[in-house]
Amino acid sequence: VQLQASGGGLVQAGGSLRLSCVARGMIISVFWGEAPAWYRQAPGKSRELVASISSDGTANYADSVKGRFTISKDNSKRAVYLQMNNLKPEDTADYYCNFGTLWGRGTLVTVSS
């Protein structure tokens, strides 16, 4: 199974980005039972949980992104998304998708002030 993340880029403060992560090769029944998450790691800082979504669709968010970010998933596409609105410079980081013990490569989000 490979996790392919995309959607990062450079955006001005107040802008939006949508990250995508596809679990290629994952059996769909396994995907249904997973609780995927997005983490981020800023330079010089530890990796932190941004958002997660359980198998029943319940989402949880870090306090710093509540009301601005939305996590969702599409079981048929084996994909998880992170819609990021009203981005702030402090959101600048490498963003990683996670399925249990599986990690995708980071996608860089840079927010300019």
PDB file of N, CA and C in Angstrom:
ATOM      1  N   VAL A   1       0.845  -1.190   0.000  1.00  0.00           N
ATOM      2  CA  VAL A   1       0.000   0.000   0.000  1.00  0.00           C
ATOM      3  C   VAL A   1       0.884   1.244   0.000  1.00  0.00           C
ATOM      4  N   GLN A   2       0.518   2.196  -0.848  1.00  0.00           N
ATOM      5  CA  GLN A   2       1.233   3.470  -0.889  1.00  0.00           C
ATOM      6  C   GLN A   2       0.258   4.601  -0.634  1.00  0.00           C
ATOM      7  N   LEU A   3       0.691   5.559   0.165  1.00  0.00           N
ATOM      8  CA  LEU A   3      -0.104   6.747   0.416  1.00  0.00           C
ATOM      9  C   LEU A   3       0.472   7.887  -0.414  1.00  0.00           C
ATOM     10  N   GLN A   4      -0.345   8.423  -1.290  1.00  0.00           N
ATOM     11  CA  GLN A   4       0.103   9.500  -2.171  1.00  0.00           C
ATOM     12  C   GLN A   4      -0.616  10.781  -1.807  1.00  0.00           C
ATOM     13  N   ALA A   5       0.134  11.706  -1.232  1.00  0.00           N
ATOM     14  CA  ALA A   5      -0.428  12.989  -0.823  1.00  0.00           C
ATOM     15  C   ALA A   5      -0.101  14.049  -1.851  1.00  0.00           C
ATOM     16  N   SER A   6      -1.016  14.982  -2.014  1.00  0.00           N
ATOM     17  CA  SER A   6      -0.814  16.084  -2.959  1.00  0.00           C
ATOM     18  C   SER A   6      -1.642  17.280  -2.518  1.00  0.00           C
ATOM     19  N   GLY A   7      -1.396  18.406  -3.173  1.00  0.00           N
ATOM     20  CA  GLY A   7      -2.216  19.588  -2.930  1.00  0.00           C
ATOM     21  C   GLY A   7      -1.519  20.713  -2.201  1.00  0.00           C
ATOM     22  N   GLY A   8      -0.299  20.484  -1.735  1.00  0.00           N
ATOM     23  CA  GLY A   8       0.408  21.549  -1.056  1.00  0.00           C
ATOM     24  C   GLY A   8       0.834  22.637  -2.028  1.00  0.00           C
ATOM     25  N   GLY A   9       1.305  23.743  -1.475  1.00  0.00           N
ATOM     26  CA  GLY A   9       1.756  24.837  -2.317  1.00  0.00           C
ATOM     27  C   GLY A   9       1.944  26.101  -1.511  1.00  0.00           C
ATOM     28  N   LEU A  10       2.133  27.181  -2.252  1.00  0.00           N
ATOM     29  CA  LEU A  10       2.334  28.496  -1.647  1.00  0.00           C
ATOM     30  C   LEU A  10       1.040  29.288  -1.764  1.00  0.00           C
ATOM     31  N   VAL A  11       0.603  29.854  -0.650  1.00  0.00           N
ATOM     32  CA  VAL A  11      -0.632  30.622  -0.648  1.00  0.00           C
ATOM     33  C   VAL A  11      -0.478  31.804   0.296  1.00  0.00           C
ATOM     34  N   GLN A  12      -1.190  32.860   0.025  1.00  0.00           N
ATOM     35  CA  GLN A  12      -1.160  34.014   0.911  1.00  0.00           C
ATOM     36  C   GLN A  12      -2.058  33.772   2.120  1.00  0.00           C
ATOM     37  N   ALA A  13      -1.758  34.452   3.193  1.00  0.00           N
ATOM     38  CA  ALA A  13      -2.591  34.368   4.387  1.00  0.00           C
ATOM     39  C   ALA A  13      -4.036  34.694   4.025  1.00  0.00           C
ATOM     40  N   GLY A  14      -4.939  33.895   4.585  1.00  0.00           N
ATOM     41  CA  GLY A  14      -6.353  34.052   4.268  1.00  0.00           C
ATOM     42  C   GLY A  14      -6.821  33.174   3.125  1.00  0.00           C
ATOM     43  N   GLY A  15      -5.875  32.574   2.424  1.00  0.00           N
ATOM     44  CA  GLY A  15      -6.218  31.727   1.289  1.00  0.00           C
ATOM     45  C   GLY A  15      -6.584  30.315   1.696  1.00  0.00           C
ATOM     46  N   SER A  16      -6.809  29.479   0.691  1.00  0.00           N
ATOM     47  CA  SER A  16      -7.253  28.104   0.919  1.00  0.00           C
ATOM     48  C   SER A  16      -6.441  27.123   0.089  1.00  0.00           C
ATOM     49  N   LEU A  17      -6.331  25.919   0.618  1.00  0.00           N
ATOM     50  CA  LEU A  17      -5.740  24.796  -0.100  1.00  0.00           C
ATOM     51  C   LEU A  17      -6.512  23.537   0.262  1.00  0.00           C
ATOM     52  N   ARG A  18      -6.485  22.574  -0.633  1.00  0.00           N
ATOM     53  CA  ARG A  18      -7.106  21.286  -0.353  1.00  0.00           C
ATOM     54  C   ARG A  18      -6.077  20.187  -0.557  1.00  0.00           C
ATOM     55  N   LEU A  19      -5.772  19.473   0.494  1.00  0.00           N
ATOM     56  CA  LEU A  19      -4.839  18.357   0.417  1.00  0.00           C
ATOM     57  C   LEU A  19      -5.613  17.065   0.162  1.00  0.00           C
ATOM     58  N   SER A  20      -4.984  16.185  -0.614  1.00  0.00           N
ATOM     59  CA  SER A  20      -5.573  14.888  -0.910  1.00  0.00           C
ATOM     60  C   SER A  20      -4.571  13.799  -0.597  1.00  0.00           C
ATOM     61  N   CYS A  21      -5.074  12.651  -0.199  1.00  0.00           N
ATOM     62  CA  CYS A  21      -4.208  11.498   0.054  1.00  0.00           C
ATOM     63  C   CYS A  21      -4.964  10.252  -0.382  1.00  0.00           C
ATOM     64  N   VAL A  22      -4.374   9.521  -1.304  1.00  0.00           N
ATOM     65  CA  VAL A  22      -4.989   8.302  -1.813  1.00  0.00           C
ATOM     66  C   VAL A  22      -4.207   7.094  -1.316  1.00  0.00           C
ATOM     67  N   ALA A  23      -4.911   6.134  -0.787  1.00  0.00           N
ATOM     68  CA  ALA A  23      -4.282   4.899  -0.299  1.00  0.00           C
ATOM     69  C   ALA A  23      -4.304   3.875  -1.437  1.00  0.00           C
ATOM     70  N   ARG A  24      -3.300   3.943  -2.289  1.00  0.00           N
ATOM     71  CA  ARG A  24      -3.242   3.053  -3.452  1.00  0.00           C
ATOM     72  C   ARG A  24      -2.881   1.633  -3.021  1.00  0.00           C
ATOM     73  N   GLY A  25      -3.680   0.706  -3.458  1.00  0.00           N
ATOM     74  CA  GLY A  25      -3.423  -0.697  -3.142  1.00  0.00           C
ATOM     75  C   GLY A  25      -4.112  -1.187  -1.882  1.00  0.00           C
ATOM     76  N   MET A  26      -4.805  -0.298  -1.195  1.00  0.00           N
ATOM     77  CA  MET A  26      -5.486  -0.708   0.038  1.00  0.00           C
ATOM     78  C   MET A  26      -6.832  -1.336  -0.317  1.00  0.00           C
ATOM     79  N   ILE A  27      -7.093  -2.479   0.259  1.00  0.00           N
ATOM     80  CA  ILE A  27      -8.382  -3.125   0.050  1.00  0.00           C
ATOM     81  C   ILE A  27      -9.468  -2.226   0.621  1.00  0.00           C
ATOM     82  N   ILE A  28     -10.548  -2.052  -0.149  1.00  0.00           N
ATOM     83  CA  ILE A  28     -11.544  -1.063   0.246  1.00  0.00           C
ATOM     84  C   ILE A  28     -12.171  -1.391   1.595  1.00  0.00           C
ATOM     85  N   SER A  29     -12.327  -2.665   1.906  1.00  0.00           N
ATOM     86  CA  SER A  29     -12.918  -3.030   3.192  1.00  0.00           C
ATOM     87  C   SER A  29     -11.995  -2.644   4.339  1.00  0.00           C
ATOM     88  N   VAL A  30     -10.704  -2.662   4.071  1.00  0.00           N
ATOM     89  CA  VAL A  30      -9.740  -2.213   5.083  1.00  0.00           C
ATOM     90  C   VAL A  30      -9.844  -0.711   5.246  1.00  0.00           C
ATOM     91  N   PHE A  31      -9.958  -0.011   4.100  1.00  0.00           N
ATOM     92  CA  PHE A  31     -10.063   1.449   4.151  1.00  0.00           C
ATOM     93  C   PHE A  31     -11.270   1.870   4.984  1.00  0.00           C
ATOM     94  N   TRP A  32     -12.376   1.176   4.817  1.00  0.00           N
ATOM     95  CA  TRP A  32     -13.580   1.527   5.569  1.00  0.00           C
ATOM     96  C   TRP A  32     -13.340   1.508   7.068  1.00  0.00           C
ATOM     97  N   GLY A  33     -12.506   0.618   7.519  1.00  0.00           N
ATOM     98  CA  GLY A  33     -12.274   0.460   8.952  1.00  0.00           C
ATOM     99  C   GLY A  33     -11.177   1.340   9.517  1.00  0.00           C
ATOM    100  N   GLU A  34     -10.494   2.057   8.619  1.00  0.00           N
ATOM    101  CA  GLU A  34      -9.381   2.875   9.074  1.00  0.00           C
ATOM    102  C   GLU A  34      -9.867   4.219   9.627  1.00  0.00           C
ATOM    103  N   ALA A  35      -8.998   4.843  10.418  1.00  0.00           N
ATOM    104  CA  ALA A  35      -9.256   6.188  10.938  1.00  0.00           C
ATOM    105  C   ALA A  35      -8.103   7.072  10.469  1.00  0.00           C
ATOM    106  N   PRO A  36      -8.137   7.510   9.237  1.00  0.00           N
ATOM    107  CA  PRO A  36      -7.016   8.296   8.696  1.00  0.00           C
ATOM    108  C   PRO A  36      -6.881   9.650   9.385  1.00  0.00           C
ATOM    109  N   ALA A  37      -5.694  10.184   9.267  1.00  0.00           N
ATOM    110  CA  ALA A  37      -5.399  11.454   9.921  1.00  0.00           C
ATOM    111  C   ALA A  37      -4.416  12.249   9.091  1.00  0.00           C
ATOM    112  N   TRP A  38      -4.387  13.529   9.382  1.00  0.00           N
ATOM    113  CA  TRP A  38      -3.374  14.431   8.833  1.00  0.00           C
ATOM    114  C   TRP A  38      -2.542  14.960   9.982  1.00  0.00           C
ATOM    115  N   TYR A  39      -1.231  14.928   9.792  1.00  0.00           N
ATOM    116  CA  TYR A  39      -0.278  15.500  10.739  1.00  0.00           C
ATOM    117  C   TYR A  39       0.494  16.585  10.006  1.00  0.00           C
ATOM    118  N   ARG A  40       1.173  17.409  10.758  1.00  0.00           N
ATOM    119  CA  ARG A  40       2.054  18.394  10.149  1.00  0.00           C
ATOM    120  C   ARG A  40       3.300  18.581  11.011  1.00  0.00           C
ATOM    121  N   GLN A  41       4.351  18.993  10.341  1.00  0.00           N
ATOM    122  CA  GLN A  41       5.603  19.250  11.039  1.00  0.00           C
ATOM    123  C   GLN A  41       6.229  20.509  10.482  1.00  0.00           C
ATOM    124  N   ALA A  42       6.317  21.501  11.332  1.00  0.00           N
ATOM    125  CA  ALA A  42       6.954  22.758  10.945  1.00  0.00           C
ATOM    126  C   ALA A  42       8.447  22.661  11.242  1.00  0.00           C
ATOM    127  N   PRO A  43       9.261  23.462  10.568  1.00  0.00           N
ATOM    128  CA  PRO A  43      10.709  23.429  10.801  1.00  0.00           C
ATOM    129  C   PRO A  43      11.054  23.623  12.267  1.00  0.00           C
ATOM    130  N   GLY A  44      11.850  22.724  12.805  1.00  0.00           N
ATOM    131  CA  GLY A  44      12.290  22.841  14.182  1.00  0.00           C
ATOM    132  C   GLY A  44      11.275  22.425  15.215  1.00  0.00           C
ATOM    133  N   LYS A  45      10.128  21.899  14.755  1.00  0.00           N
ATOM    134  CA  LYS A  45       9.083  21.501  15.694  1.00  0.00           C
ATOM    135  C   LYS A  45       8.755  20.028  15.535  1.00  0.00           C
ATOM    136  N   SER A  46       8.065  19.483  16.542  1.00  0.00           N
ATOM    137  CA  SER A  46       7.647  18.093  16.491  1.00  0.00           C
ATOM    138  C   SER A  46       6.427  17.937  15.586  1.00  0.00           C
ATOM    139  N   ARG A  47       6.265  16.722  15.090  1.00  0.00           N
ATOM    140  CA  ARG A  47       5.088  16.439  14.284  1.00  0.00           C
ATOM    141  C   ARG A  47       3.852  16.484  15.187  1.00  0.00           C
ATOM    142  N   GLU A  48       2.790  17.100  14.697  1.00  0.00           N
ATOM    143  CA  GLU A  48       1.581  17.228  15.493  1.00  0.00           C
ATOM    144  C   GLU A  48       0.362  16.786  14.705  1.00  0.00           C
ATOM    145  N   LEU A  49      -0.620  16.258  15.428  1.00  0.00           N
ATOM    146  CA  LEU A  49      -1.869  15.846  14.808  1.00  0.00           C
ATOM    147  C   LEU A  49      -2.697  17.079  14.457  1.00  0.00           C
ATOM    148  N   VAL A  50      -3.149  17.130  13.219  1.00  0.00           N
ATOM    149  CA  VAL A  50      -3.991  18.233  12.762  1.00  0.00           C
ATOM    150  C   VAL A  50      -5.462  17.837  12.815  1.00  0.00           C
ATOM    151  N   ALA A  51      -5.774  16.691  12.231  1.00  0.00           N
ATOM    152  CA  ALA A  51      -7.163  16.246  12.168  1.00  0.00           C
ATOM    153  C   ALA A  51      -7.203  14.749  11.932  1.00  0.00           C
ATOM    154  N   SER A  52      -8.266  14.125  12.404  1.00  0.00           N
ATOM    155  CA  SER A  52      -8.481  12.709  12.152  1.00  0.00           C
ATOM    156  C   SER A  52      -9.961  12.475  11.922  1.00  0.00           C
ATOM    157  N   ILE A  53     -10.261  11.369  11.260  1.00  0.00           N
ATOM    158  CA  ILE A  53     -11.657  11.031  11.001  1.00  0.00           C
ATOM    159  C   ILE A  53     -11.830   9.537  11.221  1.00  0.00           C
ATOM    160  N   SER A  54     -12.811   9.173  12.034  1.00  0.00           N
ATOM    161  CA  SER A  54     -13.006   7.775  12.379  1.00  0.00           C
ATOM    162  C   SER A  54     -13.772   7.059  11.278  1.00  0.00           C
ATOM    163  N   SER A  55     -13.908   5.751  11.445  1.00  0.00           N
ATOM    164  CA  SER A  55     -14.598   4.956  10.432  1.00  0.00           C
ATOM    165  C   SER A  55     -16.064   5.358  10.292  1.00  0.00           C
ATOM    166  N   ASP A  56     -16.647   5.923  11.345  1.00  0.00           N
ATOM    167  CA  ASP A  56     -18.048   6.349  11.242  1.00  0.00           C
ATOM    168  C   ASP A  56     -18.182   7.806  10.821  1.00  0.00           C
ATOM    169  N   GLY A  57     -17.052   8.432  10.494  1.00  0.00           N
ATOM    170  CA  GLY A  57     -17.083   9.791   9.988  1.00  0.00           C
ATOM    171  C   GLY A  57     -16.911  10.883  11.037  1.00  0.00           C
ATOM    172  N   THR A  58     -16.711  10.501  12.280  1.00  0.00           N
ATOM    173  CA  THR A  58     -16.506  11.502  13.320  1.00  0.00           C
ATOM    174  C   THR A  58     -15.129  12.134  13.166  1.00  0.00           C
ATOM    175  N   ALA A  59     -15.112  13.453  13.123  1.00  0.00           N
ATOM    176  CA  ALA A  59     -13.860  14.175  12.913  1.00  0.00           C
ATOM    177  C   ALA A  59     -13.387  14.832  14.206  1.00  0.00           C
ATOM    178  N   ASN A  60     -12.084  14.888  14.357  1.00  0.00           N
ATOM    179  CA  ASN A  60     -11.470  15.581  15.483  1.00  0.00           C
ATOM    180  C   ASN A  60     -10.381  16.494  14.954  1.00  0.00           C
ATOM    181  N   TYR A  61     -10.226  17.633  15.608  1.00  0.00           N
ATOM    182  CA  TYR A  61      -9.288  18.644  15.123  1.00  0.00           C
ATOM    183  C   TYR A  61      -8.431  19.177  16.261  1.00  0.00           C
ATOM    184  N   ALA A  62      -7.229  19.578  15.894  1.00  0.00           N
ATOM    185  CA  ALA A  62      -6.413  20.327  16.829  1.00  0.00           C
ATOM    186  C   ALA A  62      -7.085  21.674  17.063  1.00  0.00           C
ATOM    187  N   ASP A  63      -6.942  22.198  18.273  1.00  0.00           N
ATOM    188  CA  ASP A  63      -7.592  23.472  18.601  1.00  0.00           C
ATOM    189  C   ASP A  63      -7.166  24.578  17.637  1.00  0.00           C
ATOM    190  N   SER A  64      -5.933  24.529  17.188  1.00  0.00           N
ATOM    191  CA  SER A  64      -5.400  25.592  16.344  1.00  0.00           C
ATOM    192  C   SER A  64      -6.044  25.661  14.964  1.00  0.00           C
ATOM    193  N   VAL A  65      -6.728  24.598  14.550  1.00  0.00           N
ATOM    194  CA  VAL A  65      -7.311  24.591  13.206  1.00  0.00           C
ATOM    195  C   VAL A  65      -8.827  24.477  13.221  1.00  0.00           C
ATOM    196  N   LYS A  66      -9.424  24.337  14.393  1.00  0.00           N
ATOM    197  CA  LYS A  66     -10.882  24.200  14.476  1.00  0.00           C
ATOM    198  C   LYS A  66     -11.563  25.403  13.831  1.00  0.00           C
ATOM    199  N   GLY A  67     -12.572  25.111  13.039  1.00  0.00           N
ATOM    200  CA  GLY A  67     -13.310  26.168  12.363  1.00  0.00           C
ATOM    201  C   GLY A  67     -12.694  26.614  11.057  1.00  0.00           C
ATOM    202  N   ARG A  68     -11.469  26.162  10.775  1.00  0.00           N
ATOM    203  CA  ARG A  68     -10.797  26.556   9.529  1.00  0.00           C
ATOM    204  C   ARG A  68     -10.520  25.353   8.626  1.00  0.00           C
ATOM    205  N   PHE A  69     -10.232  24.222   9.214  1.00  0.00           N
ATOM    206  CA  PHE A  69      -9.902  23.017   8.449  1.00  0.00           C
ATOM    207  C   PHE A  69     -11.040  22.012   8.535  1.00  0.00           C
ATOM    208  N   THR A  70     -11.214  21.249   7.465  1.00  0.00           N
ATOM    209  CA  THR A  70     -12.220  20.192   7.440  1.00  0.00           C
ATOM    210  C   THR A  70     -11.610  18.930   6.843  1.00  0.00           C
ATOM    211  N   ILE A  71     -11.693  17.824   7.578  1.00  0.00           N
ATOM    212  CA  ILE A  71     -11.214  16.539   7.072  1.00  0.00           C
ATOM    213  C   ILE A  71     -12.408  15.746   6.572  1.00  0.00           C
ATOM    214  N   SER A  72     -12.202  15.043   5.473  1.00  0.00           N
ATOM    215  CA  SER A  72     -13.262  14.217   4.917  1.00  0.00           C
ATOM    216  C   SER A  72     -12.620  13.025   4.215  1.00  0.00           C
ATOM    217  N   LYS A  73     -13.442  12.041   3.883  1.00  0.00           N
ATOM    218  CA  LYS A  73     -12.905  10.897   3.167  1.00  0.00           C
ATOM    219  C   LYS A  73     -13.920  10.394   2.177  1.00  0.00           C
ATOM    220  N   ASP A  74     -13.427   9.748   1.153  1.00  0.00           N
ATOM    221  CA  ASP A  74     -14.252   9.147   0.122  1.00  0.00           C
ATOM    222  C   ASP A  74     -13.862   7.676   0.067  1.00  0.00           C
ATOM    223  N   ASN A  75     -14.709   6.826   0.635  1.00  0.00           N
ATOM    224  CA  ASN A  75     -14.365   5.403   0.694  1.00  0.00           C
ATOM    225  C   ASN A  75     -14.195   4.798  -0.696  1.00  0.00           C
ATOM    226  N   SER A  76     -15.031   5.223  -1.634  1.00  0.00           N
ATOM    227  CA  SER A  76     -14.970   4.633  -2.972  1.00  0.00           C
ATOM    228  C   SER A  76     -13.655   4.944  -3.671  1.00  0.00           C
ATOM    229  N   LYS A  77     -13.051   6.061  -3.323  1.00  0.00           N
ATOM    230  CA  LYS A  77     -11.787   6.458  -3.938  1.00  0.00           C
ATOM    231  C   LYS A  77     -10.596   6.156  -3.033  1.00  0.00           C
ATOM    232  N   ARG A  78     -10.882   5.592  -1.843  1.00  0.00           N
ATOM    233  CA  ARG A  78      -9.809   5.322  -0.879  1.00  0.00           C
ATOM    234  C   ARG A  78      -9.004   6.591  -0.623  1.00  0.00           C
ATOM    235  N   ALA A  79      -9.683   7.699  -0.485  1.00  0.00           N
ATOM    236  CA  ALA A  79      -9.021   8.995  -0.360  1.00  0.00           C
ATOM    237  C   ALA A  79      -9.469   9.723   0.898  1.00  0.00           C
ATOM    238  N   VAL A  80      -8.559  10.489   1.443  1.00  0.00           N
ATOM    239  CA  VAL A  80      -8.867  11.381   2.555  1.00  0.00           C
ATOM    240  C   VAL A  80      -8.407  12.771   2.165  1.00  0.00           C
ATOM    241  N   TYR A  81      -9.167  13.764   2.573  1.00  0.00           N
ATOM    242  CA  TYR A  81      -8.916  15.139   2.163  1.00  0.00           C
ATOM    243  C   TYR A  81      -8.790  16.048   3.391  1.00  0.00           C
ATOM    244  N   LEU A  82      -8.100  17.153   3.181  1.00  0.00           N
ATOM    245  CA  LEU A  82      -8.039  18.189   4.211  1.00  0.00           C
ATOM    246  C   LEU A  82      -8.256  19.524   3.525  1.00  0.00           C
ATOM    247  N   GLN A  83      -9.438  20.088   3.725  1.00  0.00           N
ATOM    248  CA  GLN A  83      -9.745  21.420   3.204  1.00  0.00           C
ATOM    249  C   GLN A  83      -9.274  22.427   4.227  1.00  0.00           C
ATOM    250  N   MET A  84      -8.400  23.312   3.793  1.00  0.00           N
ATOM    251  CA  MET A  84      -7.814  24.299   4.699  1.00  0.00           C
ATOM    252  C   MET A  84      -8.198  25.693   4.238  1.00  0.00           C
ATOM    253  N   ASN A  85      -8.954  26.381   5.052  1.00  0.00           N
ATOM    254  CA  ASN A  85      -9.403  27.737   4.743  1.00  0.00           C
ATOM    255  C   ASN A  85      -8.806  28.730   5.725  1.00  0.00           C
ATOM    256  N   ASN A  86      -8.811  29.990   5.334  1.00  0.00           N
ATOM    257  CA  ASN A  86      -8.296  31.061   6.192  1.00  0.00           C
ATOM    258  C   ASN A  86      -6.915  30.686   6.738  1.00  0.00           C
ATOM    259  N   LEU A  87      -6.043  30.303   5.829  1.00  0.00           N
ATOM    260  CA  LEU A  87      -4.712  29.866   6.235  1.00  0.00           C
ATOM    261  C   LEU A  87      -3.914  30.993   6.848  1.00  0.00           C
ATOM    262  N   LYS A  88      -3.082  30.620   7.804  1.00  0.00           N
ATOM    263  CA  LYS A  88      -2.249  31.577   8.528  1.00  0.00           C
ATOM    264  C   LYS A  88      -0.780  31.193   8.345  1.00  0.00           C
ATOM    265  N   PRO A  89       0.134  32.135   8.488  1.00  0.00           N
ATOM    266  CA  PRO A  89       1.561  31.803   8.360  1.00  0.00           C
ATOM    267  C   PRO A  89       1.985  30.672   9.289  1.00  0.00           C
ATOM    268  N   GLU A  90       1.376  30.572  10.440  1.00  0.00           N
ATOM    269  CA  GLU A  90       1.743  29.511  11.385  1.00  0.00           C
ATOM    270  C   GLU A  90       1.262  28.124  10.946  1.00  0.00           C
ATOM    271  N   ASP A  91       0.495  28.065   9.869  1.00  0.00           N
ATOM    272  CA  ASP A  91       0.103  26.774   9.300  1.00  0.00           C
ATOM    273  C   ASP A  91       1.185  26.216   8.371  1.00  0.00           C
ATOM    274  N   THR A  92       2.203  26.997   8.116  1.00  0.00           N
ATOM    275  CA  THR A  92       3.289  26.549   7.244  1.00  0.00           C
ATOM    276  C   THR A  92       3.963  25.310   7.831  1.00  0.00           C
ATOM    277  N   ALA A  93       4.014  24.247   7.037  1.00  0.00           N
ATOM    278  CA  ALA A  93       4.575  22.981   7.518  1.00  0.00           C
ATOM    279  C   ALA A  93       4.524  21.956   6.398  1.00  0.00           C
ATOM    280  N   ASP A  94       5.207  20.857   6.627  1.00  0.00           N
ATOM    281  CA  ASP A  94       5.009  19.666   5.804  1.00  0.00           C
ATOM    282  C   ASP A  94       3.807  18.919   6.382  1.00  0.00           C
ATOM    283  N   TYR A  95       2.882  18.561   5.519  1.00  0.00           N
ATOM    284  CA  TYR A  95       1.671  17.864   5.957  1.00  0.00           C
ATOM    285  C   TYR A  95       1.747  16.406   5.506  1.00  0.00           C
ATOM    286  N   TYR A  96       1.423  15.506   6.424  1.00  0.00           N
ATOM    287  CA  TYR A  96       1.525  14.069   6.181  1.00  0.00           C
ATOM    288  C   TYR A  96       0.179  13.396   6.424  1.00  0.00           C
ATOM    289  N   CYS A  97      -0.189  12.483   5.534  1.00  0.00           N
ATOM    290  CA  CYS A  97      -1.364  11.672   5.810  1.00  0.00           C
ATOM    291  C   CYS A  97      -0.915  10.383   6.486  1.00  0.00           C
ATOM    292  N   ASN A  98      -1.809   9.849   7.280  1.00  0.00           N
ATOM    293  CA  ASN A  98      -1.483   8.681   8.108  1.00  0.00           C
ATOM    294  C   ASN A  98      -2.660   7.722   8.170  1.00  0.00           C
ATOM    295  N   PHE A  99      -2.340   6.432   7.977  1.00  0.00           N
ATOM    296  CA  PHE A  99      -3.325   5.369   8.157  1.00  0.00           C
ATOM    297  C   PHE A  99      -2.675   4.359   9.097  1.00  0.00           C
ATOM    298  N   GLY A 100      -2.953   4.460  10.370  1.00  0.00           N
ATOM    299  CA  GLY A 100      -2.370   3.524  11.320  1.00  0.00           C
ATOM    300  C   GLY A 100      -0.854   3.618  11.315  1.00  0.00           C
ATOM    301  N   THR A 101      -0.191   2.568  10.861  1.00  0.00           N
ATOM    302  CA  THR A 101       1.267   2.567  10.827  1.00  0.00           C
ATOM    303  C   THR A 101       1.818   3.059   9.487  1.00  0.00           C
ATOM    304  N   LEU A 102       0.950   3.406   8.559  1.00  0.00           N
ATOM    305  CA  LEU A 102       1.365   3.866   7.236  1.00  0.00           C
ATOM    306  C   LEU A 102       1.446   5.386   7.195  1.00  0.00           C
ATOM    307  N   TRP A 103       2.510   5.871   6.589  1.00  0.00           N
ATOM    308  CA  TRP A 103       2.707   7.309   6.433  1.00  0.00           C
ATOM    309  C   TRP A 103       2.975   7.624   4.976  1.00  0.00           C
ATOM    310  N   GLY A 104       2.368   8.712   4.506  1.00  0.00           N
ATOM    311  CA  GLY A 104       2.683   9.188   3.172  1.00  0.00           C
ATOM    312  C   GLY A 104       3.841  10.170   3.236  1.00  0.00           C
ATOM    313  N   ARG A 105       4.365  10.510   2.060  1.00  0.00           N
ATOM    314  CA  ARG A 105       5.367  11.560   2.006  1.00  0.00           C
ATOM    315  C   ARG A 105       4.693  12.889   2.306  1.00  0.00           C
ATOM    316  N   GLY A 106       5.446  13.805   2.825  1.00  0.00           N
ATOM    317  CA  GLY A 106       4.892  15.099   3.159  1.00  0.00           C
ATOM    318  C   GLY A 106       4.599  15.925   1.926  1.00  0.00           C
ATOM    319  N   THR A 107       3.614  16.792   2.058  1.00  0.00           N
ATOM    320  CA  THR A 107       3.348  17.791   1.032  1.00  0.00           C
ATOM    321  C   THR A 107       3.461  19.141   1.717  1.00  0.00           C
ATOM    322  N   LEU A 108       4.277  20.008   1.123  1.00  0.00           N
ATOM    323  CA  LEU A 108       4.633  21.265   1.787  1.00  0.00           C
ATOM    324  C   LEU A 108       3.567  22.322   1.576  1.00  0.00           C
ATOM    325  N   VAL A 109       3.155  22.929   2.666  1.00  0.00           N
ATOM    326  CA  VAL A 109       2.235  24.062   2.641  1.00  0.00           C
ATOM    327  C   VAL A 109       2.988  25.273   3.177  1.00  0.00           C
ATOM    328  N   THR A 110       3.040  26.328   2.373  1.00  0.00           N
ATOM    329  CA  THR A 110       3.706  27.558   2.779  1.00  0.00           C
ATOM    330  C   THR A 110       2.707  28.692   2.695  1.00  0.00           C
ATOM    331  N   VAL A 111       2.524  29.382   3.825  1.00  0.00           N
ATOM    332  CA  VAL A 111       1.569  30.486   3.880  1.00  0.00           C
ATOM    333  C   VAL A 111       2.344  31.775   4.116  1.00  0.00           C
ATOM    334  N   SER A 112       2.252  32.668   3.165  1.00  0.00           N
ATOM    335  CA  SER A 112       2.965  33.937   3.274  1.00  0.00           C
ATOM    336  C   SER A 112       2.072  34.990   3.922  1.00  0.00           C
ATOM    337  N   SER A 113       2.702  35.890   4.630  1.00  0.00           N
ATOM    338  CA  SER A 113       1.941  36.937   5.338  1.00  0.00           C
ATOM    339  C   SER A 113       1.744  38.140   4.448  1.00  0.00           C
TER     340      SER A 113
END
